[in-house]
Every structure is written in structure tokens, then in C-alpha cells.
Amino acid sequence: MDSSIKKAGTRGRLSREMIEDAAFEVIEKEGLAGFSMRKLAAALGCEAMSIYHHFPSVAHLHEALVDRLIGALEMPDASLPWRQRMRIAIEDFRRIGRDHPAYAAFFVTYRMNSPICLAWLDGIIGLFRDAGFDNELSARLFRAVGYYLMGAVLDENAGYARGPSAVNTVNDEQLARDFPNVTAAGRFFGTAEFDKTFELGLDMLLDEMERLRDGAGTGQLPGKA
């Protein structure tokens, strides 16, 4: 950890920003399950009560961390084509998971109800409305994209990138002999392939959204009066 953070803490000049910086570092070092206010205080060189002066509870700290990540996101330029705007917004969210892998599982399942988060959510749902989708389809497409995006972030940070979960694994020889389809696919499961796989799925989603928009011409679910 940066010694300037620790020295500032011991001099009693803690700030919310300093605590948030240190919290992200401790979470990435210890993992979310291993994070505690005690460890955060130790990293800052202060007593835990000094942190509680700024954040009354762990929940308040997490809200500030999520707000900070979400607050840094900007809505894509409205002059850009709609597909490009949607792609930028989705990839910006995914980037948070890349930058904060240990925090990703908490972040993507956090219920974003603070004013900062609601402003971002309002803007994202507005992107679907800008395409001409009605309220129902905007909501359902927003959720569908969220399912894909959250699954990708979780898998990229806690799935195949972490290696096998099973205790009883097989060696390469048995894998090739008994599970040829897995063997053939395996090379595409690695971290180096994440971007290509994500882009494939994202293009499929965007293609379908544009088909709904352009084919139906109403921005409504098919068959809806």
C-alpha cells in the first residue's frame, strides 16, 4: 500500500477518498470475504473508530464504493449511433469488473438505489427509450442485457479464470480420451479469449435489439397490441 496513505492516517487527517482508496486495495488483497474494518484500519494506520467517523457502518462504506465506481461512468455521447452508444455503456460497466476483480461479485449484485446509482440507471434505461422501445420492452431488454453482462463479469473474475473447482480432476490424457468436446473447446475458455467471446455475445444481443426495433417498427414486444 502507498505509504502516503498510511502516514496521513496516523496523523489523523483521514478523508473519505483516502479511506475508499485503501478499501479497494484491501479488498483486492484480502478478497471480499477477508475484508474487515479492522484490516482497513491497519492498512491506514489508524483506529477503526476513525473510519466510523466518516462511514457509520460497513454498509455506508460499500455504498460509497459503489457510488464512486458508478459515478465515474458517463453516458455515451448522444450524437453517436445508438448501437455504438449501447456498446460503450455495456463495455464501461464490464471494465469495472476487470479493474476490481475481487469486488466484482459484490458490485454486480448490489441493489443500486442511491441517487448516484439511480441517475446512472435512469440514463441507461433512457438509452433503450432512445431506440424507440416502449416502457415494457425497455425494462425487459435492460434486464436481459444485465443478465448477460453480470454473468460475464462473474465468470471472468470467478469462473474459468480461477482454474478448476473440483477436487477430483482428470489429467490431460484422460480429458482427451473421455471428453473430446471439452478438450477441443478448452483452448477458447482461457482468459485470452474472454474479449472475443464477450463481443460475440454482445453482437448477438445488439443484433436482436435492432431487429426488434427495425422489424416490428413499434418498439413493442412481438404480438403486443
Protein backbone atom coordinates (compact mmCIF):
# COMPACT_ATOMS: atom_id res chain seq x y z
CA MET A 1 0.00 0.00 0.00
CA ASP A 2 1.12 3.55 -0.69
CA SER A 3 2.97 4.81 2.42
CA SER A 4 1.41 8.27 1.99
CA ILE A 5 -1.98 6.76 2.79
CA LYS A 6 -0.70 5.17 5.97
CA LYS A 7 1.19 8.27 7.13
CA ALA A 8 -1.79 10.50 6.56
CA GLY A 9 -3.90 8.12 8.61
CA THR A 10 -1.53 8.17 11.56
CA ARG A 11 -1.59 11.97 11.53
CA GLY A 12 -5.35 11.90 11.91
CA ARG A 13 -6.05 13.53 8.55
CA LEU A 14 -8.20 10.80 7.08
CA SER A 15 -10.57 11.71 4.29
CA ARG A 16 -13.40 9.75 2.72
CA GLU A 17 -11.43 9.48 -0.51
CA MET A 18 -8.40 8.12 1.31
CA ILE A 19 -10.50 5.51 3.08
CA GLU A 20 -12.17 4.47 -0.17
CA ASP A 21 -8.79 4.15 -1.92
CA ALA A 22 -7.50 1.95 0.87
CA ALA A 23 -10.70 -0.12 0.98
CA PHE A 24 -10.35 -1.04 -2.68
CA GLU A 25 -6.74 -2.05 -2.10
CA VAL A 26 -7.55 -4.17 0.96
CA ILE A 27 -10.45 -5.88 -0.82
CA GLU A 28 -8.25 -6.78 -3.79
CA LYS A 29 -5.51 -8.04 -1.47
CA GLU A 30 -7.63 -9.94 1.06
CA GLY A 31 -10.66 -10.79 -1.04
CA LEU A 32 -14.16 -9.63 -0.23
CA ALA A 33 -14.67 -12.37 2.37
CA GLY A 34 -11.44 -11.39 4.10
CA PHE A 35 -12.19 -7.67 4.20
CA SER A 36 -12.92 -6.02 7.55
CA MET A 37 -12.87 -2.57 9.07
CA ARG A 38 -10.08 -3.79 11.34
CA LYS A 39 -7.89 -4.70 8.36
CA LEU A 40 -8.78 -1.43 6.67
CA ALA A 41 -7.78 0.50 9.79
CA ALA A 42 -4.49 -1.39 9.95
CA ALA A 43 -3.76 -0.52 6.34
CA LEU A 44 -4.47 3.14 7.03
CA GLY A 45 -2.51 3.16 10.30
CA CYS A 46 -5.46 4.33 12.37
CA GLU A 47 -8.09 3.07 14.76
CA ALA A 48 -11.30 1.63 13.35
CA MET A 49 -13.28 4.36 15.11
CA SER A 50 -11.56 6.92 12.90
CA ILE A 51 -13.12 5.21 9.88
CA TYR A 52 -16.54 5.05 11.50
CA HIS A 53 -16.40 8.81 11.88
CA HIS A 54 -16.61 9.02 8.08
CA PHE A 55 -18.63 5.85 7.44
CA PRO A 56 -21.01 4.84 10.26
CA SER A 57 -21.15 1.22 9.07
CA VAL A 58 -19.70 -1.20 6.54
CA ALA A 59 -22.90 -0.74 4.53
CA HIS A 60 -22.23 3.01 4.30
CA LEU A 61 -18.69 2.27 3.08
CA HIS A 62 -19.89 -0.16 0.43
CA GLU A 63 -22.48 2.36 -0.75
CA ALA A 64 -19.72 4.93 -1.14
CA LEU A 65 -17.52 2.46 -3.05
CA VAL A 66 -20.32 1.54 -5.46
CA ASP A 67 -21.29 5.19 -5.87
CA ARG A 68 -17.70 6.02 -6.70
CA LEU A 69 -17.48 3.34 -9.38
CA ILE A 70 -20.85 4.17 -10.89
CA GLY A 71 -20.36 7.91 -10.57
CA ALA A 72 -17.26 7.68 -12.74
CA LEU A 73 -19.30 6.30 -15.64
CA GLU A 74 -20.56 8.74 -18.24
CA MET A 75 -23.44 8.36 -20.61
CA PRO A 76 -22.19 7.93 -24.20
CA ASP A 77 -22.37 10.98 -26.46
CA ALA A 78 -25.93 11.34 -27.72
CA SER A 79 -24.63 12.23 -31.19
CA LEU A 80 -23.22 8.72 -31.68
CA PRO A 81 -25.21 5.96 -33.40
CA TRP A 82 -27.48 4.12 -30.97
CA ARG A 83 -25.69 0.77 -31.29
CA GLN A 84 -22.34 2.40 -30.52
CA ARG A 85 -23.79 4.20 -27.51
CA MET A 86 -25.18 0.94 -26.10
CA ARG A 87 -21.91 -0.90 -26.70
CA ILE A 88 -19.92 1.81 -24.91
CA ALA A 89 -22.24 1.75 -21.90
CA ILE A 90 -22.08 -2.04 -21.61
CA GLU A 91 -18.31 -2.24 -22.02
CA ASP A 92 -17.78 0.56 -19.49
CA PHE A 93 -19.65 -1.45 -16.87
CA ARG A 94 -17.72 -4.60 -17.72
CA ARG A 95 -14.47 -2.67 -17.31
CA ILE A 96 -15.27 -2.11 -13.63
CA GLY A 97 -15.16 -5.85 -13.12
CA ARG A 98 -11.79 -6.00 -14.84
CA ASP A 99 -10.41 -3.20 -12.69
CA HIS A 100 -11.80 -4.56 -9.41
CA PRO A 101 -11.94 -8.36 -9.74
CA ALA A 102 -12.28 -9.13 -6.04
CA TYR A 103 -15.08 -6.59 -5.68
CA ALA A 104 -16.90 -7.65 -8.84
CA ALA A 105 -19.18 -10.26 -7.24
CA PHE A 106 -20.46 -7.73 -4.72
CA PHE A 107 -20.70 -4.91 -7.22
CA VAL A 108 -22.75 -6.66 -9.90
CA THR A 109 -25.34 -7.96 -7.41
CA TYR A 110 -25.61 -4.77 -5.38
CA ARG A 111 -29.08 -3.20 -5.49
CA MET A 112 -28.35 0.28 -6.79
CA ASN A 113 -30.80 2.56 -5.04
CA SER A 114 -28.67 5.58 -4.14
CA PRO A 115 -29.20 8.88 -6.02
CA ILE A 116 -25.92 8.44 -7.93
CA CYS A 117 -26.78 4.90 -8.98
CA LEU A 118 -30.37 5.78 -9.82
CA ALA A 119 -29.16 8.59 -12.07
CA TRP A 120 -26.99 6.10 -13.96
CA LEU A 121 -29.80 3.54 -14.17
CA ASP A 122 -32.16 6.22 -15.44
CA GLY A 123 -29.68 7.12 -18.16
CA ILE A 124 -29.13 3.52 -19.22
CA ILE A 125 -32.85 2.78 -19.42
CA GLY A 126 -33.11 6.02 -21.37
CA LEU A 127 -30.80 4.51 -23.98
CA PHE A 128 -33.42 1.86 -24.70
CA ARG A 129 -36.13 4.51 -24.83
CA ASP A 130 -33.99 6.46 -27.31
CA ALA A 131 -34.14 3.45 -29.63
CA GLY A 132 -37.92 3.72 -29.65
CA PHE A 133 -38.72 0.83 -27.30
CA ASP A 134 -41.77 1.23 -25.08
CA ASN A 135 -41.56 1.10 -21.28
CA GLU A 136 -42.03 -2.66 -21.01
CA LEU A 137 -39.54 -3.63 -23.69
CA SER A 138 -37.01 -1.09 -22.43
CA ALA A 139 -37.24 -2.66 -18.98
CA ARG A 140 -37.03 -6.23 -20.26
CA LEU A 141 -34.12 -5.52 -22.58
CA PHE A 142 -32.30 -3.69 -19.80
CA ARG A 143 -32.70 -6.75 -17.59
CA ALA A 144 -31.70 -9.16 -20.37
CA VAL A 145 -28.52 -7.21 -21.06
CA GLY A 146 -27.89 -7.11 -17.32
CA TYR A 147 -28.16 -10.90 -17.07
CA TYR A 148 -25.56 -11.30 -19.81
CA LEU A 149 -23.26 -8.61 -18.50
CA MET A 150 -23.38 -9.69 -14.86
CA GLY A 151 -22.81 -13.32 -15.83
CA ALA A 152 -19.81 -12.34 -17.92
CA VAL A 153 -18.28 -10.25 -15.14
CA LEU A 154 -18.77 -13.01 -12.57
CA ASP A 155 -17.37 -15.72 -14.84
CA GLU A 156 -14.39 -13.67 -15.96
CA ASN A 157 -13.41 -12.99 -12.35
CA ALA A 158 -14.50 -16.11 -10.50
CA GLY A 159 -15.08 -18.77 -13.15
CA TYR A 160 -12.63 -20.46 -15.51
CA ALA A 161 -10.04 -17.78 -14.84
CA ARG A 162 -9.59 -19.25 -11.35
CA GLY A 163 -8.89 -22.78 -12.54
CA PRO A 164 -10.75 -25.99 -11.59
CA SER A 165 -13.16 -26.06 -8.66
CA ALA A 166 -13.43 -29.84 -8.44
CA VAL A 167 -11.33 -31.86 -6.01
CA ASN A 168 -11.33 -34.90 -8.29
CA THR A 169 -9.83 -33.59 -11.52
CA VAL A 170 -8.60 -35.54 -14.54
CA ASN A 171 -5.26 -35.39 -16.27
CA ASP A 172 -4.79 -34.21 -19.83
CA GLU A 173 -4.61 -37.75 -21.22
CA GLN A 174 -7.95 -38.77 -19.69
CA LEU A 175 -9.51 -35.47 -20.68
CA ALA A 176 -8.57 -36.00 -24.34
CA ARG A 177 -9.70 -39.63 -24.32
CA ASP A 178 -13.01 -39.36 -22.46
CA PHE A 179 -14.10 -35.78 -23.06
CA PRO A 180 -13.06 -34.85 -26.61
CA ASN A 181 -15.58 -31.99 -26.96
CA VAL A 182 -14.31 -30.33 -23.80
CA THR A 183 -10.74 -30.79 -24.99
CA ALA A 184 -11.50 -29.16 -28.33
CA ALA A 185 -13.32 -26.26 -26.68
CA GLY A 186 -10.85 -25.81 -23.86
CA ARG A 187 -8.45 -23.52 -25.71
CA PHE A 188 -11.25 -21.00 -26.12
CA PHE A 189 -12.08 -20.92 -22.40
CA GLY A 190 -8.89 -19.14 -21.36
CA THR A 191 -8.60 -15.53 -20.28
CA ALA A 192 -7.01 -14.57 -23.59
CA GLU A 193 -10.29 -15.46 -25.30
CA PHE A 194 -12.63 -13.55 -22.98
CA ASP A 195 -12.88 -10.46 -25.16
CA LYS A 196 -13.74 -12.34 -28.36
CA THR A 197 -16.37 -14.41 -26.57
CA PHE A 198 -17.89 -11.37 -24.89
CA GLU A 199 -18.01 -9.42 -28.15
CA LEU A 200 -19.70 -12.36 -29.91
CA GLY A 201 -22.47 -12.46 -27.32
CA LEU A 202 -22.80 -8.69 -27.24
CA ASP A 203 -23.15 -8.51 -31.03
CA MET A 204 -25.88 -11.15 -30.86
CA LEU A 205 -27.77 -9.09 -28.27
CA LEU A 206 -27.39 -5.88 -30.23
CA ASP A 207 -28.42 -7.59 -33.46
CA GLU A 208 -31.60 -8.86 -31.85
CA MET A 209 -32.39 -5.48 -30.30
CA GLU A 210 -32.00 -3.80 -33.68
CA ARG A 211 -34.18 -6.49 -35.26
CA LEU A 212 -36.89 -5.79 -32.73
CA ARG A 213 -36.55 -2.08 -33.27
CA ASP A 214 -36.44 -2.11 -37.06
CA GLY A 215 -38.60 -5.15 -37.82
CA ALA A 216 -41.54 -4.53 -35.53
CA GLY A 217 -41.41 -0.80 -36.09
CA THR A 218 -43.33 -0.25 -32.86
CA GLY A 219 -40.68 -0.73 -30.22
CA GLN A 220 -43.01 -3.21 -28.52
CA LEU A 221 -42.80 -6.89 -27.74
CA PRO A 222 -43.91 -9.04 -30.72
CA GLY A 223 -47.62 -9.77 -30.60
CA LYS A 224 -48.35 -6.97 -28.17
CA ALA A 225 -51.32 -4.84 -29.13
